[in-house]
Amino acid sequence: PPGWDVIPLHTGTQEAMDLIVRKAIAQLPVGFPKDDIPKARLKLT
């Protein structure tokens, strides 16, 4: 569907995952504890 990200399995996999993680972290709520961001990034990855 429009707006969904695609993760290719042959080439560009890591780059696509990195982009998705960056976008997800950028969308965390304003009050999200900064100390928890690395844990959230690791869990999503």
ModelCIF file with pLDDT and N, C-alpha, C, O atoms, coordinates in Angstrom:
data_MODEL
#
_entry.id   MODEL 
#
_entity.id                         1 
_entity.type                       polymer 
_entity.pdbx_number_of_molecules   1 
#
_entity_poly.entity_id                      1 
_entity_poly.type                           'polypeptide(L)' 
_entity_poly.nstd_linkage                   no 
_entity_poly.nstd_monomer                   no 
_entity_poly.pdbx_seq_one_letter_code       PPGWDVIPLHTGTQEAMDLIVRKAIAQLPVGFPKDDIPKARLKLT 
_entity_poly.pdbx_seq_one_letter_code_can   PPGWDVIPLHTGTQEAMDLIVRKAIAQLPVGFPKDDIPKARLKLT 
_entity_poly.pdbx_strand_id                 A 
#
loop_
_entity_poly_seq.entity_id 
_entity_poly_seq.num 
_entity_poly_seq.mon_id 
_entity_poly_seq.hetero 
1 1  PRO n 
1 2  PRO n 
1 3  GLY n 
1 4  TRP n 
1 5  ASP n 
1 6  VAL n 
1 7  ILE n 
1 8  PRO n 
1 9  LEU n 
1 10 HIS n 
1 11 THR n 
1 12 GLY n 
1 13 THR n 
1 14 GLN n 
1 15 GLU n 
1 16 ALA n 
1 17 MET n 
1 18 ASP n 
1 19 LEU n 
1 20 ILE n 
1 21 VAL n 
1 22 ARG n 
1 23 LYS n 
1 24 ALA n 
1 25 ILE n 
1 26 ALA n 
1 27 GLN n 
1 28 LEU n 
1 29 PRO n 
1 30 VAL n 
1 31 GLY n 
1 32 PHE n 
1 33 PRO n 
1 34 LYS n 
1 35 ASP n 
1 36 ASP n 
1 37 ILE n 
1 38 PRO n 
1 39 LYS n 
1 40 ALA n 
1 41 ARG n 
1 42 LEU n 
1 43 LYS n 
1 44 LEU n 
1 45 THR n 
#
_struct_asym.id          A 
_struct_asym.entity_id   1 
#
loop_
_ma_qa_metric.id 
_ma_qa_metric.mode 
_ma_qa_metric.name 
_ma_qa_metric.software_group_id 
_ma_qa_metric.type 
1 global pLDDT . pLDDT 
2 local  pLDDT . pLDDT 
#
_ma_qa_metric_global.metric_id      1 
_ma_qa_metric_global.metric_value   94.87 
_ma_qa_metric_global.model_id       1 
_ma_qa_metric_global.ordinal_id     1 
#
loop_
_ma_qa_metric_local.label_asym_id 
_ma_qa_metric_local.label_comp_id 
_ma_qa_metric_local.label_seq_id 
_ma_qa_metric_local.metric_id 
_ma_qa_metric_local.metric_value 
_ma_qa_metric_local.model_id 
_ma_qa_metric_local.ordinal_id 
A PRO 1  2 94.00 1 1  
A PRO 2  2 94.00 1 2  
A GLY 3  2 91.00 1 3  
A TRP 4  2 93.00 1 4  
A ASP 5  2 93.00 1 5  
A VAL 6  2 92.00 1 6  
A ILE 7  2 92.00 1 7  
A PRO 8  2 90.00 1 8  
A LEU 9  2 88.00 1 9  
A HIS 10 2 87.00 1 10 
A THR 11 2 92.00 1 11 
A GLY 12 2 95.00 1 12 
A THR 13 2 94.00 1 13 
A GLN 14 2 95.00 1 14 
A GLU 15 2 96.00 1 15 
A ALA 16 2 96.00 1 16 
A MET 17 2 96.00 1 17 
A ASP 18 2 96.00 1 18 
A LEU 19 2 96.00 1 19 
A ILE 20 2 96.00 1 20 
A VAL 21 2 96.00 1 21 
A ARG 22 2 96.00 1 22 
A LYS 23 2 96.00 1 23 
A ALA 24 2 96.00 1 24 
A ILE 25 2 96.00 1 25 
A ALA 26 2 96.00 1 26 
A GLN 27 2 96.00 1 27 
A LEU 28 2 95.00 1 28 
A PRO 29 2 96.00 1 29 
A VAL 30 2 94.00 1 30 
A GLY 31 2 95.00 1 31 
A PHE 32 2 96.00 1 32 
A PRO 33 2 97.00 1 33 
A LYS 34 2 95.00 1 34 
A ASP 35 2 97.00 1 35 
A ASP 36 2 97.00 1 36 
A ILE 37 2 96.00 1 37 
A PRO 38 2 97.00 1 38 
A LYS 39 2 97.00 1 39 
A ALA 40 2 96.00 1 40 
A ARG 41 2 97.00 1 41 
A LEU 42 2 97.00 1 42 
A LYS 43 2 97.00 1 43 
A LEU 44 2 96.00 1 44 
A THR 45 2 96.00 1 45 
#
loop_
_atom_site.group_PDB 
_atom_site.id 
_atom_site.type_symbol 
_atom_site.label_atom_id 
_atom_site.label_alt_id 
_atom_site.label_comp_id 
_atom_site.label_asym_id 
_atom_site.label_entity_id 
_atom_site.label_seq_id 
_atom_site.pdbx_PDB_ins_code 
_atom_site.Cartn_x 
_atom_site.Cartn_y 
_atom_site.Cartn_z 
_atom_site.occupancy 
_atom_site.B_iso_or_equiv 
_atom_site.pdbx_formal_charge 
_atom_site.auth_seq_id 
_atom_site.auth_comp_id 
_atom_site.auth_asym_id 
_atom_site.auth_atom_id 
_atom_site.pdbx_PDB_model_num 
ATOM 1   N N  . PRO A 1 1  ? 0.837  -1.207  0.000  1.00 94.00 ? 1  PRO A N  1 
ATOM 2   C CA . PRO A 1 1  ? 0.000  0.000   0.000  1.00 94.00 ? 1  PRO A CA 1 
ATOM 3   C C  . PRO A 1 1  ? 0.872  1.258   0.000  1.00 94.00 ? 1  PRO A C  1 
ATOM 4   O O  . PRO A 1 1  ? 2.021  1.215   0.441  1.00 94.00 ? 1  PRO A O  1 
ATOM 5   N N  . PRO A 1 2  ? 0.346  2.352   -0.480 1.00 94.00 ? 2  PRO A N  1 
ATOM 6   C CA . PRO A 1 2  ? 1.108  3.611   -0.472 1.00 94.00 ? 2  PRO A CA 1 
ATOM 7   C C  . PRO A 1 2  ? 1.586  3.946   0.941  1.00 94.00 ? 2  PRO A C  1 
ATOM 8   O O  . PRO A 1 2  ? 0.840  3.824   1.913  1.00 94.00 ? 2  PRO A O  1 
ATOM 9   N N  . GLY A 1 3  ? 2.829  4.364   1.028  1.00 91.00 ? 3  GLY A N  1 
ATOM 10  C CA . GLY A 1 3  ? 3.403  4.747   2.311  1.00 91.00 ? 3  GLY A CA 1 
ATOM 11  C C  . GLY A 1 3  ? 4.111  3.624   3.053  1.00 91.00 ? 3  GLY A C  1 
ATOM 12  O O  . GLY A 1 3  ? 4.819  3.881   4.027  1.00 91.00 ? 3  GLY A O  1 
ATOM 13  N N  . TRP A 1 4  ? 3.933  2.381   2.609  1.00 93.00 ? 4  TRP A N  1 
ATOM 14  C CA . TRP A 1 4  ? 4.612  1.262   3.258  1.00 93.00 ? 4  TRP A CA 1 
ATOM 15  C C  . TRP A 1 4  ? 6.041  1.177   2.745  1.00 93.00 ? 4  TRP A C  1 
ATOM 16  O O  . TRP A 1 4  ? 6.312  1.460   1.578  1.00 93.00 ? 4  TRP A O  1 
ATOM 17  N N  . ASP A 1 5  ? 6.949  0.786   3.625  1.00 93.00 ? 5  ASP A N  1 
ATOM 18  C CA . ASP A 1 5  ? 8.341  0.574   3.230  1.00 93.00 ? 5  ASP A CA 1 
ATOM 19  C C  . ASP A 1 5  ? 8.526  -0.875  2.791  1.00 93.00 ? 5  ASP A C  1 
ATOM 20  O O  . ASP A 1 5  ? 7.819  -1.774  3.247  1.00 93.00 ? 5  ASP A O  1 
ATOM 21  N N  . VAL A 1 6  ? 9.486  -1.081  1.900  1.00 92.00 ? 6  VAL A N  1 
ATOM 22  C CA . VAL A 1 6  ? 9.802  -2.419  1.394  1.00 92.00 ? 6  VAL A CA 1 
ATOM 23  C C  . VAL A 1 6  ? 11.226 -2.748  1.805  1.00 92.00 ? 6  VAL A C  1 
ATOM 24  O O  . VAL A 1 6  ? 12.116 -1.903  1.706  1.00 92.00 ? 6  VAL A O  1 
ATOM 25  N N  . ILE A 1 7  ? 11.445 -3.969  2.263  1.00 92.00 ? 7  ILE A N  1 
ATOM 26  C CA . ILE A 1 7  ? 12.786 -4.429  2.611  1.00 92.00 ? 7  ILE A CA 1 
ATOM 27  C C  . ILE A 1 7  ? 13.173 -5.495  1.590  1.00 92.00 ? 7  ILE A C  1 
ATOM 28  O O  . ILE A 1 7  ? 12.655 -6.611  1.632  1.00 92.00 ? 7  ILE A O  1 
ATOM 29  N N  . PRO A 1 8  ? 14.084 -5.157  0.672  1.00 90.00 ? 8  PRO A N  1 
ATOM 30  C CA . PRO A 1 8  ? 14.523 -6.163  -0.299 1.00 90.00 ? 8  PRO A CA 1 
ATOM 31  C C  . PRO A 1 8  ? 15.367 -7.228  0.396  1.00 90.00 ? 8  PRO A C  1 
ATOM 32  O O  . PRO A 1 8  ? 16.081 -6.926  1.352  1.00 90.00 ? 8  PRO A O  1 
ATOM 33  N N  . LEU A 1 9  ? 15.292 -8.456  -0.073 1.00 88.00 ? 9  LEU A N  1 
ATOM 34  C CA . LEU A 1 9  ? 16.003 -9.545  0.587  1.00 88.00 ? 9  LEU A CA 1 
ATOM 35  C C  . LEU A 1 9  ? 17.346 -9.869  -0.055 1.00 88.00 ? 9  LEU A C  1 
ATOM 36  O O  . LEU A 1 9  ? 18.170 -10.543 0.561  1.00 88.00 ? 9  LEU A O  1 
ATOM 37  N N  . HIS A 1 10 ? 17.582 -9.408  -1.269 1.00 87.00 ? 10 HIS A N  1 
ATOM 38  C CA . HIS A 1 10 ? 18.823 -9.775  -1.957 1.00 87.00 ? 10 HIS A CA 1 
ATOM 39  C C  . HIS A 1 10 ? 19.897 -8.702  -1.821 1.00 87.00 ? 10 HIS A C  1 
ATOM 40  O O  . HIS A 1 10 ? 21.022 -8.998  -1.418 1.00 87.00 ? 10 HIS A O  1 
ATOM 41  N N  . THR A 1 11 ? 19.566 -7.489  -2.147 1.00 92.00 ? 11 THR A N  1 
ATOM 42  C CA . THR A 1 11 ? 20.536 -6.393  -2.018 1.00 92.00 ? 11 THR A CA 1 
ATOM 43  C C  . THR A 1 11 ? 19.831 -5.187  -1.420 1.00 92.00 ? 11 THR A C  1 
ATOM 44  O O  . THR A 1 11 ? 18.652 -4.951  -1.688 1.00 92.00 ? 11 THR A O  1 
ATOM 45  N N  . GLY A 1 12 ? 20.541 -4.438  -0.625 1.00 95.00 ? 12 GLY A N  1 
ATOM 46  C CA . GLY A 1 12 ? 19.976 -3.248  -0.018 1.00 95.00 ? 12 GLY A CA 1 
ATOM 47  C C  . GLY A 1 12 ? 19.162 -3.499  1.237  1.00 95.00 ? 12 GLY A C  1 
ATOM 48  O O  . GLY A 1 12 ? 18.457 -2.610  1.714  1.00 95.00 ? 12 GLY A O  1 
ATOM 49  N N  . THR A 1 13 ? 19.258 -4.706  1.772  1.00 94.00 ? 13 THR A N  1 
ATOM 50  C CA . THR A 1 13 ? 18.467 -5.067  2.950  1.00 94.00 ? 13 THR A CA 1 
ATOM 51  C C  . THR A 1 13 ? 18.820 -4.190  4.143  1.00 94.00 ? 13 THR A C  1 
ATOM 52  O O  . THR A 1 13 ? 17.939 -3.589  4.758  1.00 94.00 ? 13 THR A O  1 
ATOM 53  N N  . GLN A 1 14 ? 20.088 -4.116  4.468  1.00 95.00 ? 14 GLN A N  1 
ATOM 54  C CA . GLN A 1 14 ? 20.524 -3.347  5.642  1.00 95.00 ? 14 GLN A CA 1 
ATOM 55  C C  . GLN A 1 14 ? 20.187 -1.873  5.495  1.00 95.00 ? 14 GLN A C  1 
ATOM 56  O O  . GLN A 1 14 ? 19.750 -1.235  6.453  1.00 95.00 ? 14 GLN A O  1 
ATOM 57  N N  . GLU A 1 15 ? 20.387 -1.334  4.309  1.00 96.00 ? 15 GLU A N  1 
ATOM 58  C CA . GLU A 1 15 ? 20.087 0.078   4.073  1.00 96.00 ? 15 GLU A CA 1 
ATOM 59  C C  . GLU A 1 15 ? 18.599 0.358   4.275  1.00 96.00 ? 15 GLU A C  1 
ATOM 60  O O  . GLU A 1 15 ? 18.230 1.370   4.870  1.00 96.00 ? 15 GLU A O  1 
ATOM 61  N N  . ALA A 1 16 ? 17.747 -0.540  3.781  1.00 96.00 ? 16 ALA A N  1 
ATOM 62  C CA . ALA A 1 16 ? 16.301 -0.364  3.935  1.00 96.00 ? 16 ALA A CA 1 
ATOM 63  C C  . ALA A 1 16 ? 15.901 -0.445  5.401  1.00 96.00 ? 16 ALA A C  1 
ATOM 64  O O  . ALA A 1 16 ? 15.078 0.343   5.867  1.00 96.00 ? 16 ALA A O  1 
ATOM 65  N N  . MET A 1 17 ? 16.482 -1.395  6.129  1.00 96.00 ? 17 MET A N  1 
ATOM 66  C CA . MET A 1 17 ? 16.168 -1.521  7.555  1.00 96.00 ? 17 MET A CA 1 
ATOM 67  C C  . MET A 1 17 ? 16.640 -0.290  8.323  1.00 96.00 ? 17 MET A C  1 
ATOM 68  O O  . MET A 1 17 ? 15.931 0.196   9.204  1.00 96.00 ? 17 MET A O  1 
ATOM 69  N N  . ASP A 1 18 ? 17.822 0.217   8.002  1.00 96.00 ? 18 ASP A N  1 
ATOM 70  C CA . ASP A 1 18 ? 18.337 1.418   8.672  1.00 96.00 ? 18 ASP A CA 1 
ATOM 71  C C  . ASP A 1 18 ? 17.401 2.605   8.456  1.00 96.00 ? 18 ASP A C  1 
ATOM 72  O O  . ASP A 1 18 ? 17.133 3.369   9.383  1.00 96.00 ? 18 ASP A O  1 
ATOM 73  N N  . LEU A 1 19 ? 16.910 2.753   7.237  1.00 96.00 ? 19 LEU A N  1 
ATOM 74  C CA . LEU A 1 19 ? 15.997 3.852   6.924  1.00 96.00 ? 19 LEU A CA 1 
ATOM 75  C C  . LEU A 1 19 ? 14.699 3.725   7.723  1.00 96.00 ? 19 LEU A C  1 
ATOM 76  O O  . LEU A 1 19 ? 14.198 4.713   8.259  1.00 96.00 ? 19 LEU A O  1 
ATOM 77  N N  . ILE A 1 20 ? 14.164 2.523   7.799  1.00 96.00 ? 20 ILE A N  1 
ATOM 78  C CA . ILE A 1 20 ? 12.924 2.296   8.551  1.00 96.00 ? 20 ILE A CA 1 
ATOM 79  C C  . ILE A 1 20 ? 13.125 2.607   10.031 1.00 96.00 ? 20 ILE A C  1 
ATOM 80  O O  . ILE A 1 20 ? 12.268 3.224   10.663 1.00 96.00 ? 20 ILE A O  1 
ATOM 81  N N  . VAL A 1 21 ? 14.253 2.181   10.576 1.00 96.00 ? 21 VAL A N  1 
ATOM 82  C CA . VAL A 1 21 ? 14.537 2.450   11.995 1.00 96.00 ? 21 VAL A CA 1 
ATOM 83  C C  . VAL A 1 21 ? 14.656 3.953   12.227 1.00 96.00 ? 21 VAL A C  1 
ATOM 84  O O  . VAL A 1 21 ? 14.098 4.477   13.191 1.00 96.00 ? 21 VAL A O  1 
ATOM 85  N N  . ARG A 1 22 ? 15.376 4.645   11.354 1.00 96.00 ? 22 ARG A N  1 
ATOM 86  C CA . ARG A 1 22 ? 15.522 6.102   11.508 1.00 96.00 ? 22 ARG A CA 1 
ATOM 87  C C  . ARG A 1 22 ? 14.165 6.796   11.467 1.00 96.00 ? 22 ARG A C  1 
ATOM 88  O O  . ARG A 1 22 ? 13.892 7.685   12.274 1.00 96.00 ? 22 ARG A O  1 
ATOM 89  N N  . LYS A 1 23 ? 13.313 6.387   10.521 1.00 96.00 ? 23 LYS A N  1 
ATOM 90  C CA . LYS A 1 23 ? 11.984 6.992   10.416 1.00 96.00 ? 23 LYS A CA 1 
ATOM 91  C C  . LYS A 1 23 ? 11.141 6.697   11.658 1.00 96.00 ? 23 LYS A C  1 
ATOM 92  O O  . LYS A 1 23 ? 10.423 7.572   12.143 1.00 96.00 ? 23 LYS A O  1 
ATOM 93  N N  . ALA A 1 24 ? 11.225 5.477   12.167 1.00 96.00 ? 24 ALA A N  1 
ATOM 94  C CA . ALA A 1 24 ? 10.446 5.103   13.352 1.00 96.00 ? 24 ALA A CA 1 
ATOM 95  C C  . ALA A 1 24 ? 10.903 5.891   14.576 1.00 96.00 ? 24 ALA A C  1 
ATOM 96  O O  . ALA A 1 24 ? 10.078 6.375   15.350 1.00 96.00 ? 24 ALA A O  1 
ATOM 97  N N  . ILE A 1 25 ? 12.204 6.018   14.747 1.00 96.00 ? 25 ILE A N  1 
ATOM 98  C CA . ILE A 1 25 ? 12.739 6.756   15.895 1.00 96.00 ? 25 ILE A CA 1 
ATOM 99  C C  . ILE A 1 25 ? 12.349 8.231   15.799 1.00 96.00 ? 25 ILE A C  1 
ATOM 100 O O  . ILE A 1 25 ? 12.056 8.860   16.816 1.00 96.00 ? 25 ILE A O  1 
ATOM 101 N N  . ALA A 1 26 ? 12.342 8.777   14.603 1.00 96.00 ? 26 ALA A N  1 
ATOM 102 C CA . ALA A 1 26 ? 11.959 10.176  14.416 1.00 96.00 ? 26 ALA A CA 1 
ATOM 103 C C  . ALA A 1 26 ? 10.484 10.415  14.757 1.00 96.00 ? 26 ALA A C  1 
ATOM 104 O O  . ALA A 1 26 ? 10.089 11.548  15.031 1.00 96.00 ? 26 ALA A O  1 
ATOM 105 N N  . GLN A 1 27 ? 9.675  9.360   14.742 1.00 96.00 ? 27 GLN A N  1 
ATOM 106 C CA . GLN A 1 27 ? 8.245  9.498   15.015 1.00 96.00 ? 27 GLN A CA 1 
ATOM 107 C C  . GLN A 1 27 ? 7.870  9.171   16.469 1.00 96.00 ? 27 GLN A C  1 
ATOM 108 O O  . GLN A 1 27 ? 6.689  9.144   16.816 1.00 96.00 ? 27 GLN A O  1 
ATOM 109 N N  . LEU A 1 28 ? 8.865  8.928   17.304 1.00 95.00 ? 28 LEU A N  1 
ATOM 110 C CA . LEU A 1 28 ? 8.557  8.677   18.719 1.00 95.00 ? 28 LEU A CA 1 
ATOM 111 C C  . LEU A 1 28 ? 7.894  9.913   19.325 1.00 95.00 ? 28 LEU A C  1 
ATOM 112 O O  . LEU A 1 28 ? 8.187  11.037  18.919 1.00 95.00 ? 28 LEU A O  1 
ATOM 113 N N  . PRO A 1 29 ? 7.010  9.708   20.288 1.00 96.00 ? 29 PRO A N  1 
ATOM 114 C CA . PRO A 1 29 ? 6.334  10.857  20.891 1.00 96.00 ? 29 PRO A CA 1 
ATOM 115 C C  . PRO A 1 29 ? 7.317  11.809  21.557 1.00 96.00 ? 29 PRO A C  1 
ATOM 116 O O  . PRO A 1 29 ? 8.406  11.406  21.965 1.00 96.00 ? 29 PRO A O  1 
ATOM 117 N N  . VAL A 1 30 ? 6.929  13.056  21.664 1.00 94.00 ? 30 VAL A N  1 
ATOM 118 C CA . VAL A 1 30 ? 7.790  14.094  22.235 1.00 94.00 ? 30 VAL A CA 1 
ATOM 119 C C  . VAL A 1 30 ? 8.273  13.732  23.631 1.00 94.00 ? 30 VAL A C  1 
ATOM 120 O O  . VAL A 1 30 ? 9.429  13.998  23.964 1.00 94.00 ? 30 VAL A O  1 
ATOM 121 N N  . GLY A 1 31 ? 7.439  13.147  24.438 1.00 95.00 ? 31 GLY A N  1 
ATOM 122 C CA . GLY A 1 31 ? 7.816  12.826  25.815 1.00 95.00 ? 31 GLY A CA 1 
ATOM 123 C C  . GLY A 1 31 ? 8.560  11.520  25.982 1.00 95.00 ? 31 GLY A C  1 
ATOM 124 O O  . GLY A 1 31 ? 8.832  11.116  27.113 1.00 95.00 ? 31 GLY A O  1 
ATOM 125 N N  . PHE A 1 32 ? 8.899  10.845  24.898 1.00 96.00 ? 32 PHE A N  1 
ATOM 126 C CA . PHE A 1 32 ? 9.597  9.554   24.994 1.00 96.00 ? 32 PHE A CA 1 
ATOM 127 C C  . PHE A 1 32 ? 10.961 9.785   25.637 1.00 96.00 ? 32 PHE A C  1 
ATOM 128 O O  . PHE A 1 32 ? 11.712 10.654  25.194 1.00 96.00 ? 32 PHE A O  1 
ATOM 129 N N  . PRO A 1 33 ? 11.295 9.011   26.686 1.00 97.00 ? 33 PRO A N  1 
ATOM 130 C CA . PRO A 1 33 ? 12.581 9.225   27.384 1.00 97.00 ? 33 PRO A CA 1 
ATOM 131 C C  . PRO A 1 33 ? 13.787 9.014   26.458 1.00 97.00 ? 33 PRO A C  1 
ATOM 132 O O  . PRO A 1 33 ? 13.914 7.975   25.809 1.00 97.00 ? 33 PRO A O  1 
ATOM 133 N N  . LYS A 1 34 ? 14.644 9.996   26.412 1.00 95.00 ? 34 LYS A N  1 
ATOM 134 C CA . LYS A 1 34 ? 15.821 9.927   25.540 1.00 95.00 ? 34 LYS A CA 1 
ATOM 135 C C  . LYS A 1 34 ? 16.718 8.739   25.882 1.00 95.00 ? 34 LYS A C  1 
ATOM 136 O O  . LYS A 1 34 ? 17.372 8.179   25.002 1.00 95.00 ? 34 LYS A O  1 
ATOM 137 N N  . ASP A 1 35 ? 16.750 8.358   27.149 1.00 97.00 ? 35 ASP A N  1 
ATOM 138 C CA . ASP A 1 35 ? 17.569 7.222   27.564 1.00 97.00 ? 35 ASP A CA 1 
ATOM 139 C C  . ASP A 1 35 ? 17.043 5.899   27.000 1.00 97.00 ? 35 ASP A C  1 
ATOM 140 O O  . ASP A 1 35 ? 17.792 4.927   26.900 1.00 97.00 ? 35 ASP A O  1 
ATOM 141 N N  . ASP A 1 36 ? 15.762 5.856   26.632 1.00 97.00 ? 36 ASP A N  1 
ATOM 142 C CA . ASP A 1 36 ? 15.160 4.632   26.110 1.00 97.00 ? 36 ASP A CA 1 
ATOM 143 C C  . ASP A 1 36 ? 15.258 4.512   24.587 1.00 97.00 ? 36 ASP A C  1 
ATOM 144 O O  . ASP A 1 36 ? 14.914 3.471   24.028 1.00 97.00 ? 36 ASP A O  1 
ATOM 145 N N  . ILE A 1 37 ? 15.721 5.559   23.917 1.00 96.00 ? 37 ILE A N  1 
ATOM 146 C CA . ILE A 1 37 ? 15.812 5.530   22.455 1.00 96.00 ? 37 ILE A CA 1 
ATOM 147 C C  . ILE A 1 37 ? 16.755 4.430   21.965 1.00 96.00 ? 37 ILE A C  1 
ATOM 148 O O  . ILE A 1 37 ? 16.387 3.704   21.042 1.00 96.00 ? 37 ILE A O  1 
ATOM 149 N N  . PRO A 1 38 ? 17.950 4.271   22.534 1.00 97.00 ? 38 PRO A N  1 
ATOM 150 C CA . PRO A 1 38 ? 18.816 3.183   22.057 1.00 97.00 ? 38 PRO A CA 1 
ATOM 151 C C  . PRO A 1 38 ? 18.182 1.802   22.219 1.00 97.00 ? 38 PRO A C  1 
ATOM 152 O O  . PRO A 1 38 ? 18.346 0.939   21.357 1.00 97.00 ? 38 PRO A O  1 
ATOM 153 N N  . LYS A 1 39 ? 17.453 1.589   23.329 1.00 97.00 ? 39 LYS A N  1 
ATOM 154 C CA . LYS A 1 39 ? 16.781 0.307   23.534 1.00 97.00 ? 39 LYS A CA 1 
ATOM 155 C C  . LYS A 1 39 ? 15.685 0.091   22.492 1.00 97.00 ? 39 LYS A C  1 
ATOM 156 O O  . LYS A 1 39 ? 15.523 -1.014  21.974 1.00 97.00 ? 39 LYS A O  1 
ATOM 157 N N  . ALA A 1 40 ? 14.938 1.148   22.189 1.00 96.00 ? 40 ALA A N  1 
ATOM 158 C CA . ALA A 1 40 ? 13.873 1.050   21.189 1.00 96.00 ? 40 ALA A CA 1 
ATOM 159 C C  . ALA A 1 40 ? 14.464 0.758   19.812 1.00 96.00 ? 40 ALA A C  1 
ATOM 160 O O  . ALA A 1 40 ? 13.929 -0.058  19.061 1.00 96.00 ? 40 ALA A O  1 
ATOM 161 N N  . ARG A 1 41 ? 15.564 1.423   19.487 1.00 97.00 ? 41 ARG A N  1 
ATOM 162 C CA . ARG A 1 41 ? 16.239 1.209   18.204 1.00 97.00 ? 41 ARG A CA 1 
ATOM 163 C C  . ARG A 1 41 ? 16.733 -0.241  18.088 1.00 97.00 ? 41 ARG A C  1 
ATOM 164 O O  . ARG A 1 41 ? 16.556 -0.882  17.052 1.00 97.00 ? 41 ARG A O  1 
ATOM 165 N N  . LEU A 1 42 ? 17.342 -0.740  19.142 1.00 97.00 ? 42 LEU A N  1 
ATOM 166 C CA . LEU A 1 42 ? 17.863 -2.107  19.151 1.00 97.00 ? 42 LEU A CA 1 
ATOM 167 C C  . LEU A 1 42 ? 16.731 -3.122  19.015 1.00 97.00 ? 42 LEU A C  1 
ATOM 168 O O  . LEU A 1 42 ? 16.838 -4.071  18.238 1.00 97.00 ? 42 LEU A O  1 
ATOM 169 N N  . LYS A 1 43 ? 15.656 -2.928  19.760 1.00 97.00 ? 43 LYS A N  1 
ATOM 170 C CA . LYS A 1 43 ? 14.515 -3.855  19.723 1.00 97.00 ? 43 LYS A CA 1 
ATOM 171 C C  . LYS A 1 43 ? 13.903 -3.905  18.321 1.00 97.00 ? 43 LYS A C  1 
ATOM 172 O O  . LYS A 1 43 ? 13.627 -4.989  17.806 1.00 97.00 ? 43 LYS A O  1 
ATOM 173 N N  . LEU A 1 44 ? 13.692 -2.758  17.708 1.00 96.00 ? 44 LEU A N  1 
ATOM 174 C CA . LEU A 1 44 ? 13.122 -2.710  16.366 1.00 96.00 ? 44 LEU A CA 1 
ATOM 175 C C  . LEU A 1 44 ? 14.056 -3.384  15.365 1.00 96.00 ? 44 LEU A C  1 
ATOM 176 O O  . LEU A 1 44 ? 13.599 -4.140  14.507 1.00 96.00 ? 44 LEU A O  1 
ATOM 177 N N  . THR A 1 45 ? 15.336 -3.124  15.461 1.00 96.00 ? 45 THR A N  1 
ATOM 178 C CA . THR A 1 45 ? 16.314 -3.738  14.558 1.00 96.00 ? 45 THR A CA 1 
ATOM 179 C C  . THR A 1 45 ? 16.314 -5.253  14.711 1.00 96.00 ? 45 THR A C  1 
ATOM 180 O O  . THR A 1 45 ? 17.074 -5.942  14.030 1.00 96.00 ? 45 THR A O  1 
#
